[in-house]
């Protein structure tokens, strides 16, 4: 698959991932953390704010393709 096509597909998938993840994380927080203290909210949003990076890294790694040996 050409690199440009992989980059295009990966970009669309990452945008979809971020939108879907934000909706799920916010819905979960609204439903379960409403009565929790501020520090629980802070810890949750720091953790959930960093968690989406893991699948995004895998997508970016796929987009870059295999390393070429010289």
PDB file of N, CA and C in Angstrom:
ATOM      1  N   UNK A   1       0.852  -1.171   0.000  1.00  0.00           N
ATOM      2  CA  UNK A   1       0.000   0.000   0.000  1.00  0.00           C
ATOM      3  C   UNK A   1       0.903   1.241   0.000  1.00  0.00           C
ATOM      4  N   UNK A   2       0.599   2.216  -0.834  1.00  0.00           N
ATOM      5  CA  UNK A   2       1.427   3.426  -0.876  1.00  0.00           C
ATOM      6  C   UNK A   2       1.405   4.184   0.459  1.00  0.00           C
ATOM      7  N   UNK A   3       2.498   4.830   0.748  1.00  0.00           N
ATOM      8  CA  UNK A   3       2.631   5.562   2.014  1.00  0.00           C
ATOM      9  C   UNK A   3       1.597   6.675   2.132  1.00  0.00           C
ATOM     10  N   UNK A   4       1.326   7.357   1.040  1.00  0.00           N
ATOM     11  CA  UNK A   4       0.341   8.454   1.091  1.00  0.00           C
ATOM     12  C   UNK A   4      -1.050   7.933   1.441  1.00  0.00           C
ATOM     13  N   UNK A   5      -1.428   6.793   0.902  1.00  0.00           N
ATOM     14  CA  UNK A   5      -2.728   6.209   1.208  1.00  0.00           C
ATOM     15  C   UNK A   5      -2.784   5.756   2.666  1.00  0.00           C
ATOM     16  N   UNK A   6      -1.703   5.139   3.134  1.00  0.00           N
ATOM     17  CA  UNK A   6      -1.653   4.721   4.542  1.00  0.00           C
ATOM     18  C   UNK A   6      -1.756   5.927   5.461  1.00  0.00           C
ATOM     19  N   UNK A   7      -1.098   7.019   5.106  1.00  0.00           N
ATOM     20  CA  UNK A   7      -1.163   8.237   5.916  1.00  0.00           C
ATOM     21  C   UNK A   7      -2.579   8.806   5.938  1.00  0.00           C
ATOM     22  N   UNK A   8      -3.242   8.796   4.798  1.00  0.00           N
ATOM     23  CA  UNK A   8      -4.610   9.304   4.726  1.00  0.00           C
ATOM     24  C   UNK A   8      -5.549   8.454   5.580  1.00  0.00           C
ATOM     25  N   UNK A   9      -5.472   7.142   5.421  1.00  0.00           N
ATOM     26  CA  UNK A   9      -6.328   6.238   6.193  1.00  0.00           C
ATOM     27  C   UNK A   9      -6.031   6.378   7.687  1.00  0.00           C
ATOM     28  N   UNK A  10      -4.755   6.423   8.047  1.00  0.00           N
ATOM     29  CA  UNK A  10      -4.371   6.564   9.450  1.00  0.00           C
ATOM     30  C   UNK A  10      -4.861   7.863  10.055  1.00  0.00           C
ATOM     31  N   UNK A  11      -4.807   8.940   9.285  1.00  0.00           N
ATOM     32  CA  UNK A  11      -5.281  10.232   9.779  1.00  0.00           C
ATOM     33  C   UNK A  11      -6.776  10.196  10.046  1.00  0.00           C
ATOM     34  N   UNK A  12      -7.531   9.620   9.139  1.00  0.00           N
ATOM     35  CA  UNK A  12      -8.986   9.507   9.330  1.00  0.00           C
ATOM     36  C   UNK A  12      -9.302   8.639  10.545  1.00  0.00           C
ATOM     37  N   UNK A  13      -8.576   7.534  10.706  1.00  0.00           N
ATOM     38  CA  UNK A  13      -8.810   6.638  11.844  1.00  0.00           C
ATOM     39  C   UNK A  13      -8.458   7.334  13.161  1.00  0.00           C
ATOM     40  N   UNK A  14      -7.368   8.083  13.200  1.00  0.00           N
ATOM     41  CA  UNK A  14      -6.980   8.787  14.426  1.00  0.00           C
ATOM     42  C   UNK A  14      -8.017   9.848  14.792  1.00  0.00           C
ATOM     43  N   UNK A  15      -8.508  10.586  13.808  1.00  0.00           N
ATOM     44  CA  UNK A  15      -9.537  11.592  14.091  1.00  0.00           C
ATOM     45  C   UNK A  15     -10.793  10.921  14.648  1.00  0.00           C
ATOM     46  N   UNK A  16     -11.201   9.825  14.038  1.00  0.00           N
ATOM     47  CA  UNK A  16     -12.359   9.081  14.552  1.00  0.00           C
ATOM     48  C   UNK A  16     -12.115   8.546  15.951  1.00  0.00           C
ATOM     49  N   UNK A  17     -10.912   8.037  16.187  1.00  0.00           N
ATOM     50  CA  UNK A  17     -10.550   7.521  17.510  1.00  0.00           C
ATOM     51  C   UNK A  17     -10.650   8.612  18.568  1.00  0.00           C
ATOM     52  N   UNK A  18     -10.110   9.772  18.279  1.00  0.00           N
ATOM     53  CA  UNK A  18     -10.112  10.867  19.256  1.00  0.00           C
ATOM     54  C   UNK A  18     -11.538  11.330  19.556  1.00  0.00           C
ATOM     55  N   UNK A  19     -12.348  11.473  18.528  1.00  0.00           N
ATOM     56  CA  UNK A  19     -13.728  11.915  18.740  1.00  0.00           C
ATOM     57  C   UNK A  19     -14.507  10.877  19.548  1.00  0.00           C
ATOM     58  N   UNK A  20     -14.431   9.622  19.150  1.00  0.00           N
ATOM     59  CA  UNK A  20     -15.142   8.558  19.862  1.00  0.00           C
ATOM     60  C   UNK A  20     -14.632   8.416  21.298  1.00  0.00           C
ATOM     61  N   UNK A  21     -13.330   8.456  21.474  1.00  0.00           N
ATOM     62  CA  UNK A  21     -12.751   8.322  22.811  1.00  0.00           C
ATOM     63  C   UNK A  21     -13.176   9.479  23.712  1.00  0.00           C
ATOM     64  N   UNK A  22     -13.177  10.692  23.181  1.00  0.00           N
ATOM     65  CA  UNK A  22     -13.593  11.850  23.980  1.00  0.00           C
ATOM     66  C   UNK A  22     -15.053  11.721  24.412  1.00  0.00           C
ATOM     67  N   UNK A  23     -15.901  11.275  23.503  1.00  0.00           N
ATOM     68  CA  UNK A  23     -17.311  11.092  23.865  1.00  0.00           C
ATOM     69  C   UNK A  23     -17.485  10.030  24.941  1.00  0.00           C
ATOM     70  N   UNK A  24     -16.797   8.922  24.795  1.00  0.00           N
ATOM     71  CA  UNK A  24     -16.912   7.842  25.776  1.00  0.00           C
ATOM     72  C   UNK A  24     -16.344   8.268  27.130  1.00  0.00           C
ATOM     73  N   UNK A  25     -15.168   8.892  27.129  1.00  0.00           N
ATOM     74  CA  UNK A  25     -14.535   9.304  28.385  1.00  0.00           C
ATOM     75  C   UNK A  25     -15.375  10.351  29.111  1.00  0.00           C
ATOM     76  N   UNK A  26     -15.939  11.298  28.380  1.00  0.00           N
ATOM     77  CA  UNK A  26     -16.762  12.336  28.999  1.00  0.00           C
ATOM     78  C   UNK A  26     -18.080  11.771  29.507  1.00  0.00           C
ATOM     79  N   UNK A  27     -18.684  10.863  28.754  1.00  0.00           N
ATOM     80  CA  UNK A  27     -19.927  10.235  29.193  1.00  0.00           C
ATOM     81  C   UNK A  27     -19.703   9.421  30.458  1.00  0.00           C
ATOM     82  N   UNK A  28     -18.621   8.666  30.485  1.00  0.00           N
ATOM     83  CA  UNK A  28     -18.295   7.881  31.673  1.00  0.00           C
ATOM     84  C   UNK A  28     -18.056   8.790  32.876  1.00  0.00           C
ATOM     85  N   UNK A  29     -17.322   9.868  32.670  1.00  0.00           N
ATOM     86  CA  UNK A  29     -17.042  10.794  33.772  1.00  0.00           C
ATOM     87  C   UNK A  29     -18.315  11.448  34.279  1.00  0.00           C
ATOM     88  N   UNK A  30     -19.185  11.847  33.380  1.00  0.00           N
ATOM     89  CA  UNK A  30     -20.442  12.491  33.793  1.00  0.00           C
ATOM     90  C   UNK A  30     -21.339  11.530  34.564  1.00  0.00           C
ATOM     91  N   UNK A  31     -21.337  10.278  34.154  1.00  0.00           N
ATOM     92  CA  UNK A  31     -22.224   9.299  34.786  1.00  0.00           C
ATOM     93  C   UNK A  31     -21.706   8.797  36.130  1.00  0.00           C
ATOM     94  N   UNK A  32     -20.393   8.702  36.275  1.00  0.00           N
ATOM     95  CA  UNK A  32     -19.857   8.058  37.483  1.00  0.00           C
ATOM     96  C   UNK A  32     -19.114   8.985  38.438  1.00  0.00           C
ATOM     97  N   UNK A  33     -18.635  10.113  37.973  1.00  0.00           N
ATOM     98  CA  UNK A  33     -17.805  10.963  38.825  1.00  0.00           C
ATOM     99  C   UNK A  33     -18.513  12.221  39.320  1.00  0.00           C
ATOM    100  N   UNK A  34     -19.801  12.298  39.141  1.00  0.00           N
ATOM    101  CA  UNK A  34     -20.523  13.523  39.478  1.00  0.00           C
ATOM    102  C   UNK A  34     -20.409  13.904  40.954  1.00  0.00           C
ATOM    103  N   UNK A  35     -20.370  12.926  41.834  1.00  0.00           N
ATOM    104  CA  UNK A  35     -20.348  13.228  43.265  1.00  0.00           C
ATOM    105  C   UNK A  35     -18.961  13.078  43.883  1.00  0.00           C
ATOM    106  N   UNK A  36     -17.963  12.848  43.067  1.00  0.00           N
ATOM    107  CA  UNK A  36     -16.598  12.637  43.578  1.00  0.00           C
ATOM    108  C   UNK A  36     -15.904  13.975  43.826  1.00  0.00           C
ATOM    109  N   UNK A  37     -14.887  13.980  44.693  1.00  0.00           N
ATOM    110  CA  UNK A  37     -14.146  15.221  44.938  1.00  0.00           C
ATOM    111  C   UNK A  37     -13.327  15.646  43.712  1.00  0.00           C
ATOM    112  N   UNK A  38     -12.831  16.879  43.759  1.00  0.00           N
ATOM    113  CA  UNK A  38     -12.122  17.457  42.619  1.00  0.00           C
ATOM    114  C   UNK A  38     -10.882  16.668  42.246  1.00  0.00           C
ATOM    115  N   UNK A  39     -10.191  16.092  43.220  1.00  0.00           N
ATOM    116  CA  UNK A  39      -8.939  15.399  42.906  1.00  0.00           C
ATOM    117  C   UNK A  39      -9.194  14.090  42.146  1.00  0.00           C
ATOM    118  N   UNK A  40     -10.367  13.480  42.348  1.00  0.00           N
ATOM    119  CA  UNK A  40     -10.722  12.286  41.574  1.00  0.00           C
ATOM    120  C   UNK A  40     -10.966  12.676  40.119  1.00  0.00           C
ATOM    121  N   UNK A  41     -11.630  13.802  39.916  1.00  0.00           N
ATOM    122  CA  UNK A  41     -11.833  14.315  38.562  1.00  0.00           C
ATOM    123  C   UNK A  41     -10.495  14.600  37.889  1.00  0.00           C
ATOM    124  N   UNK A  42      -9.610  15.246  38.610  1.00  0.00           N
ATOM    125  CA  UNK A  42      -8.294  15.576  38.070  1.00  0.00           C
ATOM    126  C   UNK A  42      -7.530  14.308  37.682  1.00  0.00           C
ATOM    127  N   UNK A  43      -7.499  13.331  38.575  1.00  0.00           N
ATOM    128  CA  UNK A  43      -6.789  12.080  38.287  1.00  0.00           C
ATOM    129  C   UNK A  43      -7.407  11.361  37.094  1.00  0.00           C
ATOM    130  N   UNK A  44      -8.729  11.321  37.036  1.00  0.00           N
ATOM    131  CA  UNK A  44      -9.393  10.649  35.922  1.00  0.00           C
ATOM    132  C   UNK A  44      -9.074  11.323  34.595  1.00  0.00           C
ATOM    133  N   UNK A  45      -9.161  12.638  34.544  1.00  0.00           N
ATOM    134  CA  UNK A  45      -8.945  13.320  33.279  1.00  0.00           C
ATOM    135  C   UNK A  45      -7.470  13.338  32.871  1.00  0.00           C
ATOM    136  N   UNK A  46      -6.562  13.309  33.820  1.00  0.00           N
ATOM    137  CA  UNK A  46      -5.145  13.157  33.456  1.00  0.00           C
ATOM    138  C   UNK A  46      -4.916  11.768  32.868  1.00  0.00           C
ATOM    139  N   UNK A  47      -5.435  10.743  33.535  1.00  0.00           N
ATOM    140  CA  UNK A  47      -5.276   9.368  33.047  1.00  0.00           C
ATOM    141  C   UNK A  47      -5.965   9.163  31.704  1.00  0.00           C
ATOM    142  N   UNK A  48      -7.211   9.569  31.609  1.00  0.00           N
ATOM    143  CA  UNK A  48      -7.944   9.360  30.357  1.00  0.00           C
ATOM    144  C   UNK A  48      -7.425  10.265  29.246  1.00  0.00           C
ATOM    145  N   UNK A  49      -6.863  11.397  29.590  1.00  0.00           N
ATOM    146  CA  UNK A  49      -6.281  12.277  28.592  1.00  0.00           C
ATOM    147  C   UNK A  49      -5.021  11.715  27.972  1.00  0.00           C
ATOM    148  N   UNK A  50      -4.330  10.866  28.692  1.00  0.00           N
ATOM    149  CA  UNK A  50      -3.109  10.243  28.174  1.00  0.00           C
ATOM    150  C   UNK A  50      -3.352   8.868  27.572  1.00  0.00           C
ATOM    151  N   UNK A  51      -4.450   8.235  27.917  1.00  0.00           N
ATOM    152  CA  UNK A  51      -4.701   6.856  27.491  1.00  0.00           C
ATOM    153  C   UNK A  51      -4.926   6.712  25.989  1.00  0.00           C
ATOM    154  N   UNK A  52      -5.478   7.707  25.335  1.00  0.00           N
ATOM    155  CA  UNK A  52      -5.742   7.608  23.897  1.00  0.00           C
ATOM    156  C   UNK A  52      -4.460   7.575  23.076  1.00  0.00           C
ATOM    157  N   UNK A  53      -3.356   7.961  23.677  1.00  0.00           N
ATOM    158  CA  UNK A  53      -2.083   8.002  22.955  1.00  0.00           C
ATOM    159  C   UNK A  53      -1.626   6.596  22.566  1.00  0.00           C
ATOM    160  N   UNK A  54      -1.921   5.591  23.380  1.00  0.00           N
ATOM    161  CA  UNK A  54      -1.469   4.233  23.083  1.00  0.00           C
ATOM    162  C   UNK A  54      -2.005   3.697  21.755  1.00  0.00           C
ATOM    163  N   UNK A  55      -3.320   3.733  21.511  1.00  0.00           N
ATOM    164  CA  UNK A  55      -3.764   3.261  20.197  1.00  0.00           C
ATOM    165  C   UNK A  55      -3.311   4.187  19.067  1.00  0.00           C
ATOM    166  N   UNK A  56      -3.195   5.479  19.338  1.00  0.00           N
ATOM    167  CA  UNK A  56      -2.728   6.402  18.298  1.00  0.00           C
ATOM    168  C   UNK A  56      -1.284   6.090  17.901  1.00  0.00           C
ATOM    169  N   UNK A  57      -0.459   5.697  18.858  1.00  0.00           N
ATOM    170  CA  UNK A  57       0.931   5.332  18.544  1.00  0.00           C
ATOM    171  C   UNK A  57       0.975   4.115  17.636  1.00  0.00           C
ATOM    172  N   UNK A  58       0.110   3.144  17.880  1.00  0.00           N
ATOM    173  CA  UNK A  58       0.070   1.965  17.020  1.00  0.00           C
ATOM    174  C   UNK A  58      -0.349   2.322  15.597  1.00  0.00           C
ATOM    175  N   UNK A  59      -1.309   3.217  15.476  1.00  0.00           N
ATOM    176  CA  UNK A  59      -1.746   3.642  14.147  1.00  0.00           C
ATOM    177  C   UNK A  59      -0.635   4.396  13.428  1.00  0.00           C
ATOM    178  N   UNK A  60       0.061   5.268  14.142  1.00  0.00           N
ATOM    179  CA  UNK A  60       1.157   6.026  13.542  1.00  0.00           C
ATOM    180  C   UNK A  60       2.295   5.091  13.140  1.00  0.00           C
ATOM    181  N   UNK A  61       2.550   4.091  13.954  1.00  0.00           N
ATOM    182  CA  UNK A  61       3.585   3.110  13.615  1.00  0.00           C
ATOM    183  C   UNK A  61       3.204   2.355  12.344  1.00  0.00           C
ATOM    184  N   UNK A  62       1.930   1.997  12.205  1.00  0.00           N
ATOM    185  CA  UNK A  62       1.465   1.334  10.988  1.00  0.00           C
ATOM    186  C   UNK A  62       1.602   2.260   9.790  1.00  0.00           C
ATOM    187  N   UNK A  63       1.272   3.534   9.984  1.00  0.00           N
ATOM    188  CA  UNK A  63       1.361   4.502   8.902  1.00  0.00           C
ATOM    189  C   UNK A  63       2.799   4.652   8.402  1.00  0.00           C
ATOM    190  N   UNK A  64       3.753   4.608   9.318  1.00  0.00           N
ATOM    191  CA  UNK A  64       5.155   4.791   8.942  1.00  0.00           C
ATOM    192  C   UNK A  64       5.690   3.598   8.152  1.00  0.00           C
ATOM    193  N   UNK A  65       5.120   2.436   8.379  1.00  0.00           N
ATOM    194  CA  UNK A  65       5.541   1.247   7.660  1.00  0.00           C
ATOM    195  C   UNK A  65       6.789   0.644   8.269  1.00  0.00           C
ATOM    196  N   UNK A  66       7.248  -0.465   7.684  1.00  0.00           N
ATOM    197  CA  UNK A  66       8.446  -1.126   8.214  1.00  0.00           C
ATOM    198  C   UNK A  66       9.694  -0.297   7.931  1.00  0.00           C
ATOM    199  N   UNK A  67      10.655  -0.423   8.841  1.00  0.00           N
ATOM    200  CA  UNK A  67      11.916   0.282   8.649  1.00  0.00           C
ATOM    201  C   UNK A  67      12.706  -0.382   7.546  1.00  0.00           C
ATOM    202  N   UNK A  68      13.284   0.421   6.711  1.00  0.00           N
ATOM    203  CA  UNK A  68      14.073  -0.098   5.599  1.00  0.00           C
ATOM    204  C   UNK A  68      15.525  -0.227   6.024  1.00  0.00           C
ATOM    205  N   UNK A  69      16.109  -1.386   5.749  1.00  0.00           N
ATOM    206  CA  UNK A  69      17.518  -1.574   6.073  1.00  0.00           C
ATOM    207  C   UNK A  69      18.365  -1.106   4.893  1.00  0.00           C
ATOM    208  N   UNK A  70      19.504  -0.528   5.222  1.00  0.00           N
ATOM    209  CA  UNK A  70      20.383  -0.004   4.168  1.00  0.00           C
ATOM    210  C   UNK A  70      21.519  -0.941   3.890  1.00  0.00           C
TER     211      UNK A  70
END
